[in-house]
Amino acid sequence: MRDYYVDHLGNMTVQGSAARLEFMRMNSFDPEKKEAKLSPSLSLVMPIASLLQLSAAAICFRVWTSST
């Protein structure tokens, strides 16, 4: 299994029964403008059911972290 590091979720599209998540990587940061330069890093395609599972897990994680 490979690990991929990403900094940001770019676009998310749903077409038919598949969802595509496009992740971005930060190339540089301008502290004066407070802007990051991002470039595409990884595109992940999954069934919508898997996206719903991911979303439910993220909600549970957010609830858990906000209660501690």
N, C-alpha and C. Protein backbone atom coordinates (compact mmCIF):
# COMPACT_ATOMS: atom_id res chain seq x y z
N MET A 1 0.85 -1.18 0.00
CA MET A 1 0.00 0.00 0.00
C MET A 1 0.89 1.24 0.00
N ARG A 2 0.46 2.24 -0.71
CA ARG A 2 1.21 3.49 -0.78
C ARG A 2 0.49 4.58 0.01
N ASP A 3 1.26 5.48 0.56
CA ASP A 3 0.71 6.66 1.22
C ASP A 3 0.98 7.87 0.35
N TYR A 4 -0.03 8.73 0.23
CA TYR A 4 0.11 9.97 -0.52
C TYR A 4 -0.24 11.12 0.41
N TYR A 5 0.58 12.14 0.42
CA TYR A 5 0.31 13.32 1.23
C TYR A 5 -0.28 14.39 0.35
N VAL A 6 -1.39 14.98 0.80
CA VAL A 6 -2.02 16.09 0.09
C VAL A 6 -2.30 17.20 1.08
N ASP A 7 -2.34 18.43 0.59
CA ASP A 7 -2.59 19.59 1.44
C ASP A 7 -4.02 20.08 1.39
N HIS A 8 -4.73 19.78 0.31
CA HIS A 8 -6.01 20.45 0.10
C HIS A 8 -6.89 19.61 -0.82
N LEU A 9 -8.18 19.63 -0.59
CA LEU A 9 -9.13 19.02 -1.52
C LEU A 9 -9.50 20.08 -2.54
N GLY A 10 -9.22 19.81 -3.79
CA GLY A 10 -9.53 20.76 -4.85
C GLY A 10 -10.97 20.65 -5.27
N ASN A 11 -11.25 19.90 -6.31
CA ASN A 11 -12.60 19.73 -6.83
C ASN A 11 -13.15 18.36 -6.48
N MET A 12 -14.47 18.30 -6.39
CA MET A 12 -15.15 17.02 -6.22
C MET A 12 -16.28 16.99 -7.24
N THR A 13 -16.30 15.96 -8.07
CA THR A 13 -17.35 15.84 -9.08
C THR A 13 -17.99 14.46 -8.97
N VAL A 14 -19.27 14.41 -9.30
CA VAL A 14 -20.00 13.14 -9.32
C VAL A 14 -20.59 13.00 -10.72
N GLN A 15 -20.31 11.86 -11.32
CA GLN A 15 -20.84 11.59 -12.65
C GLN A 15 -21.29 10.14 -12.67
N GLY A 16 -22.56 9.95 -12.91
CA GLY A 16 -23.10 8.59 -12.89
C GLY A 16 -23.00 8.02 -11.49
N SER A 17 -22.36 6.88 -11.36
CA SER A 17 -22.24 6.23 -10.05
C SER A 17 -20.85 6.39 -9.46
N ALA A 18 -20.04 7.29 -10.02
CA ALA A 18 -18.67 7.47 -9.54
C ALA A 18 -18.44 8.91 -9.07
N ALA A 19 -17.62 9.03 -8.04
CA ALA A 19 -17.23 10.34 -7.52
C ALA A 19 -15.73 10.49 -7.74
N ARG A 20 -15.31 11.68 -8.13
CA ARG A 20 -13.89 11.97 -8.33
C ARG A 20 -13.48 13.08 -7.38
N LEU A 21 -12.47 12.82 -6.56
CA LEU A 21 -11.91 13.80 -5.65
C LEU A 21 -10.54 14.18 -6.16
N GLU A 22 -10.33 15.47 -6.38
CA GLU A 22 -9.04 15.95 -6.86
C GLU A 22 -8.33 16.66 -5.71
N PHE A 23 -7.17 16.16 -5.36
CA PHE A 23 -6.40 16.70 -4.25
C PHE A 23 -5.25 17.56 -4.76
N MET A 24 -4.89 18.53 -3.95
CA MET A 24 -3.86 19.50 -4.33
C MET A 24 -2.67 19.43 -3.36
N ARG A 25 -1.53 19.87 -3.85
CA ARG A 25 -0.31 19.96 -3.05
C ARG A 25 0.15 21.41 -3.05
N MET A 26 0.61 21.87 -1.89
CA MET A 26 1.11 23.25 -1.81
C MET A 26 2.55 23.30 -2.29
N ASN A 27 2.81 24.14 -3.29
CA ASN A 27 4.15 24.30 -3.83
C ASN A 27 4.93 25.38 -3.11
N SER A 28 4.24 26.46 -2.79
CA SER A 28 4.90 27.58 -2.11
C SER A 28 3.85 28.40 -1.38
N PHE A 29 4.33 29.25 -0.48
CA PHE A 29 3.44 30.12 0.29
C PHE A 29 4.04 31.51 0.33
N ASP A 30 3.24 32.51 0.00
CA ASP A 30 3.68 33.91 0.05
C ASP A 30 3.13 34.52 1.33
N PRO A 31 4.00 34.72 2.34
CA PRO A 31 3.51 35.23 3.63
C PRO A 31 2.99 36.66 3.56
N GLU A 32 3.50 37.45 2.62
CA GLU A 32 3.02 38.83 2.49
C GLU A 32 1.58 38.88 1.98
N LYS A 33 1.28 38.06 0.99
CA LYS A 33 -0.07 38.01 0.43
C LYS A 33 -0.96 37.01 1.16
N LYS A 34 -0.34 36.18 1.99
CA LYS A 34 -1.04 35.09 2.68
C LYS A 34 -1.76 34.19 1.69
N GLU A 35 -1.03 33.83 0.63
CA GLU A 35 -1.56 32.97 -0.43
C GLU A 35 -0.65 31.78 -0.64
N ALA A 36 -1.29 30.64 -0.88
CA ALA A 36 -0.55 29.43 -1.19
C ALA A 36 -0.68 29.13 -2.68
N LYS A 37 0.39 28.64 -3.29
CA LYS A 37 0.33 28.17 -4.67
C LYS A 37 0.12 26.66 -4.61
N LEU A 38 -0.99 26.21 -5.20
CA LEU A 38 -1.34 24.80 -5.19
C LEU A 38 -1.26 24.22 -6.59
N SER A 39 -0.93 22.94 -6.68
CA SER A 39 -0.96 22.24 -7.96
C SER A 39 -1.61 20.88 -7.75
N PRO A 40 -2.23 20.34 -8.81
CA PRO A 40 -2.86 19.02 -8.69
C PRO A 40 -1.85 17.96 -8.27
N SER A 41 -2.29 17.08 -7.38
CA SER A 41 -1.39 16.07 -6.86
C SER A 41 -1.92 14.65 -7.09
N LEU A 42 -3.22 14.47 -6.87
CA LEU A 42 -3.79 13.12 -6.91
C LEU A 42 -5.26 13.21 -7.27
N SER A 43 -5.72 12.30 -8.09
CA SER A 43 -7.14 12.19 -8.41
C SER A 43 -7.60 10.82 -7.93
N LEU A 44 -8.65 10.81 -7.12
CA LEU A 44 -9.17 9.57 -6.53
C LEU A 44 -10.59 9.37 -7.01
N VAL A 45 -10.87 8.22 -7.61
CA VAL A 45 -12.20 7.91 -8.12
C VAL A 45 -12.75 6.74 -7.31
N MET A 46 -14.01 6.88 -6.87
CA MET A 46 -14.63 5.84 -6.05
C MET A 46 -16.13 5.80 -6.31
N PRO A 47 -16.78 4.67 -5.97
CA PRO A 47 -18.24 4.63 -6.06
C PRO A 47 -18.86 5.63 -5.09
N ILE A 48 -20.05 6.11 -5.40
CA ILE A 48 -20.72 7.07 -4.53
C ILE A 48 -20.93 6.48 -3.15
N ALA A 49 -21.22 5.19 -3.04
CA ALA A 49 -21.40 4.55 -1.74
C ALA A 49 -20.15 4.70 -0.87
N SER A 50 -18.99 4.58 -1.48
CA SER A 50 -17.74 4.75 -0.73
C SER A 50 -17.54 6.20 -0.30
N LEU A 51 -17.95 7.14 -1.15
CA LEU A 51 -17.87 8.56 -0.78
C LEU A 51 -18.78 8.83 0.42
N LEU A 52 -19.95 8.23 0.44
CA LEU A 52 -20.86 8.40 1.58
C LEU A 52 -20.26 7.82 2.86
N GLN A 53 -19.59 6.67 2.75
CA GLN A 53 -18.90 6.09 3.92
C GLN A 53 -17.81 7.03 4.41
N LEU A 54 -17.05 7.59 3.49
CA LEU A 54 -15.98 8.53 3.84
C LEU A 54 -16.55 9.76 4.52
N SER A 55 -17.65 10.26 4.00
CA SER A 55 -18.30 11.43 4.57
C SER A 55 -18.80 11.15 5.98
N ALA A 56 -19.43 10.00 6.19
CA ALA A 56 -19.92 9.63 7.52
C ALA A 56 -18.77 9.49 8.51
N ALA A 57 -17.66 8.90 8.08
CA ALA A 57 -16.49 8.77 8.96
C ALA A 57 -15.93 10.14 9.32
N ALA A 58 -15.90 11.06 8.36
CA ALA A 58 -15.39 12.41 8.62
C ALA A 58 -16.29 13.14 9.61
N ILE A 59 -17.60 12.97 9.49
CA ILE A 59 -18.53 13.60 10.43
C ILE A 59 -18.32 13.04 11.82
N CYS A 60 -18.19 11.73 11.95
CA CYS A 60 -17.95 11.11 13.26
C CYS A 60 -16.65 11.60 13.86
N PHE A 61 -15.62 11.74 13.05
CA PHE A 61 -14.33 12.23 13.53
C PHE A 61 -14.44 13.66 14.02
N ARG A 62 -15.17 14.47 13.28
CA ARG A 62 -15.34 15.88 13.67
C ARG A 62 -16.11 15.99 14.98
N VAL A 63 -17.16 15.20 15.13
CA VAL A 63 -17.92 15.21 16.39
C VAL A 63 -17.04 14.75 17.54
N TRP A 64 -16.26 13.69 17.30
CA TRP A 64 -15.39 13.15 18.35
C TRP A 64 -14.34 14.17 18.77
N THR A 65 -13.73 14.84 17.79
CA THR A 65 -12.66 15.80 18.13
C THR A 65 -13.21 17.06 18.76
N SER A 66 -14.45 17.44 18.44
CA SER A 66 -15.00 18.66 19.04
C SER A 66 -15.49 18.42 20.46
N SER A 67 -15.68 17.15 20.84
CA SER A 67 -16.15 16.86 22.20
C SER A 67 -15.01 16.63 23.18
N THR A 68 -13.78 16.58 22.69
CA THR A 68 -12.64 16.34 23.60
C THR A 68 -11.96 17.62 24.00
